[in-house]
Structure formats: C-alpha cells, structure tokens
Protein backbone atom coordinates (compact mmCIF):
# COMPACT_ATOMS: atom_id res chain seq x y z
CA MET A 1 46.68 -59.20 -34.84
CA LEU A 2 47.19 -62.66 -36.28
CA VAL A 3 44.62 -63.73 -38.89
CA VAL A 4 44.01 -67.48 -39.27
CA GLU A 5 41.73 -68.13 -42.24
CA GLN A 6 41.83 -70.91 -44.81
CA ASP A 7 40.45 -68.81 -47.68
CA ASP A 8 43.30 -66.79 -49.22
CA ASP A 9 41.18 -63.90 -50.47
CA LEU A 10 39.22 -63.53 -47.25
CA ARG A 11 42.34 -63.86 -45.09
CA HIS A 12 44.07 -61.03 -46.91
CA TRP A 13 40.94 -58.87 -47.11
CA LEU A 14 40.42 -59.16 -43.35
CA GLY A 15 44.05 -58.35 -42.68
CA ARG A 16 44.14 -55.39 -45.04
CA PHE A 17 40.80 -53.98 -43.90
CA LEU A 18 41.60 -54.27 -40.20
CA GLY A 19 45.23 -53.27 -40.72
CA LEU A 20 44.08 -50.01 -42.30
CA SER A 21 41.68 -49.37 -39.42
CA ASP A 22 42.88 -47.26 -36.53
CA GLY A 23 44.10 -49.34 -33.60
CA PHE A 24 44.79 -52.59 -35.48
CA LYS A 25 48.12 -53.87 -36.77
CA VAL A 26 48.49 -57.18 -38.58
CA VAL A 27 51.56 -59.10 -37.43
CA GLY A 28 50.89 -62.25 -39.45
CA TYR A 29 48.66 -64.57 -41.42
CA LEU A 30 48.12 -68.32 -41.29
CA ASP A 31 46.08 -70.43 -43.66
CA ARG A 32 45.90 -73.41 -41.30
CA ASP A 33 46.27 -74.26 -37.64
CA ALA A 34 49.46 -76.36 -37.93
CA ASP A 35 51.77 -73.54 -36.81
CA LEU A 36 49.34 -71.64 -34.60
CA LYS A 37 51.03 -72.05 -31.21
CA ALA A 38 54.49 -71.35 -32.57
CA GLU A 39 53.33 -68.28 -34.50
CA VAL A 40 51.38 -66.83 -31.58
CA GLU A 41 54.39 -67.25 -29.30
CA ARG A 42 56.73 -65.78 -31.92
CA LEU A 43 54.56 -62.84 -33.00
CA THR A 44 52.84 -62.10 -29.63
CA PRO A 45 49.65 -60.58 -31.10
CA ASP A 46 47.05 -58.83 -28.95
CA LEU A 47 44.26 -60.17 -31.18
CA LEU A 48 43.84 -63.61 -32.71
CA LEU A 49 41.15 -63.99 -35.39
CA LEU A 50 40.39 -67.68 -35.93
CA ASP A 51 38.14 -69.21 -38.55
CA THR A 52 35.72 -71.68 -36.92
CA HIS A 53 36.79 -74.42 -39.34
CA THR A 54 40.39 -74.01 -38.19
CA THR A 55 39.34 -73.98 -34.55
CA SER A 56 37.41 -77.21 -34.89
CA ARG A 57 40.69 -78.98 -35.68
CA LEU A 58 42.59 -77.58 -32.69
CA PRO A 59 43.19 -79.69 -29.60
CA PRO A 60 40.84 -78.42 -26.84
CA GLU A 61 43.68 -77.19 -24.63
CA THR A 62 45.29 -74.99 -27.32
CA LEU A 63 43.49 -71.72 -26.50
CA ALA A 64 44.09 -72.19 -22.76
CA GLU A 65 47.80 -72.72 -23.42
CA LEU A 66 47.95 -69.61 -25.60
CA ARG A 67 46.23 -67.57 -22.88
CA ARG A 68 48.75 -68.72 -20.29
CA ALA A 69 51.59 -67.70 -22.58
CA LEU A 70 49.96 -64.36 -23.50
CA PRO A 71 47.42 -63.19 -20.90
CA ARG A 72 46.46 -60.11 -22.94
CA LEU A 73 45.58 -62.15 -26.04
CA TYR A 74 42.00 -61.55 -27.18
CA VAL A 75 40.67 -64.50 -29.20
CA VAL A 76 37.81 -64.14 -31.68
CA LEU A 77 36.23 -66.96 -33.66
CA MET A 78 34.92 -66.03 -37.11
CA ASP A 79 32.45 -67.54 -39.52
CA LEU A 80 30.33 -66.42 -42.47
CA GLU A 81 27.24 -67.52 -40.57
CA GLU A 82 26.03 -65.80 -37.42
CA GLY A 83 23.65 -66.26 -34.55
CA PRO A 84 23.55 -67.10 -30.84
CA ASN A 85 24.75 -70.66 -31.43
CA TYR A 86 28.02 -69.35 -32.86
CA GLU A 87 28.54 -67.02 -29.91
CA ARG A 88 27.95 -69.92 -27.49
CA LEU A 89 30.33 -72.10 -29.51
CA ALA A 90 33.00 -69.41 -29.28
CA LYS A 91 32.65 -69.08 -25.49
CA ARG A 92 32.54 -72.84 -24.98
CA GLY A 93 35.70 -73.18 -27.09
CA GLY A 94 37.58 -70.70 -24.92
CA ALA A 95 37.35 -67.66 -27.19
CA ASP A 96 36.54 -64.16 -25.97
CA GLY A 97 34.04 -63.50 -28.70
CA PHE A 98 32.58 -64.22 -32.10
CA LEU A 99 32.64 -62.17 -35.30
CA CYS A 100 30.59 -62.69 -38.43
CA LYS A 101 32.99 -62.14 -41.32
CA VAL A 102 30.48 -60.17 -43.36
CA ARG A 103 29.87 -57.81 -40.43
CA VAL A 104 33.50 -56.86 -39.80
CA PRO A 105 33.03 -53.19 -40.79
CA GLU A 106 30.17 -52.69 -38.30
CA SER A 107 32.02 -54.56 -35.56
CA LEU A 108 35.27 -52.60 -35.57
CA GLU A 109 34.59 -50.29 -32.65
CA LYS A 110 33.31 -53.08 -30.42
CA LEU A 111 36.30 -55.27 -31.31
CA ARG A 112 38.78 -52.45 -30.72
CA ALA A 113 37.28 -51.66 -27.30
CA ALA A 114 37.32 -55.33 -26.29
CA VAL A 115 41.00 -55.76 -27.23
CA ILE A 116 41.96 -52.61 -25.29
CA ALA A 117 39.98 -53.73 -22.23
CA LYS A 118 41.65 -57.16 -22.28
CA ALA A 119 45.10 -55.56 -22.48
CA ARG A 120 44.31 -53.28 -19.54
CA GLN A 121 42.97 -56.20 -17.52
CA ALA A 122 46.13 -58.24 -18.21
CA ALA A 123 48.34 -55.29 -17.24
CA VAL A 124 46.61 -55.02 -13.85
CA ALA A 125 46.85 -58.75 -13.13
C-alpha cells in the first residue's frame, strides 16, 4: 500500500493502523502528488490511498496510466467528509472506491476483500 496524504499525522496514522492490520503492508508514503507515478512504478503497491486534495491536482490521465502499468492496483480516494457525492467523484476520477478517513477501522474488511478481488481479476486477465 502507498499512502498519499498531505497531513503528516494522518498519513502516518493511516499507514501504521493499516500496516498493523492483517493483509495490509505499507510500502511507502507521499505527502504530495509530485512523485506519484514514479513511486507507484518503483514500489508496485496493490493499494493506493489518495487524499482527494492530492487527486484534484493530478492530470486526468494519471490514474489510467497507473492502471496500465499495474493492472492489479486498487485505487481509493480518501477524505474526512463522506457521502454519495464523494463516491461518485471517486468513480468519475477513475478510482475503484472511496474511503472516509474517520471510518477506516470499520472499512478494513471491505477494503481488504476489494484489494484481493482486484488482484485475482488482474491475475486472470
């Protein structure tokens, strides 16, 4: 998992919490989007957690390019807010899903299952 979050405390909390959870391994952290493509290609994570503020600065083709390079990559947009508009924004932006940062503990099982399913799907293709 690669965690891209501009807030230092939140970035490291997410990484530590998920890294200590069964089935997740943190391979890196970024505090901005400047090195995103290079880091994803270098680290080859299965899961990319992206803050919505970071995503809003990405060129529109970035996620599509990352998916071509890593078909099993599962991309999740994150924000402190939640609601159907955020989920639609995530899908429209090319992400696989959306995660409210304050609901990470309750969302672990769903996130883990989605990452595993994506990896299996990529292996078959």
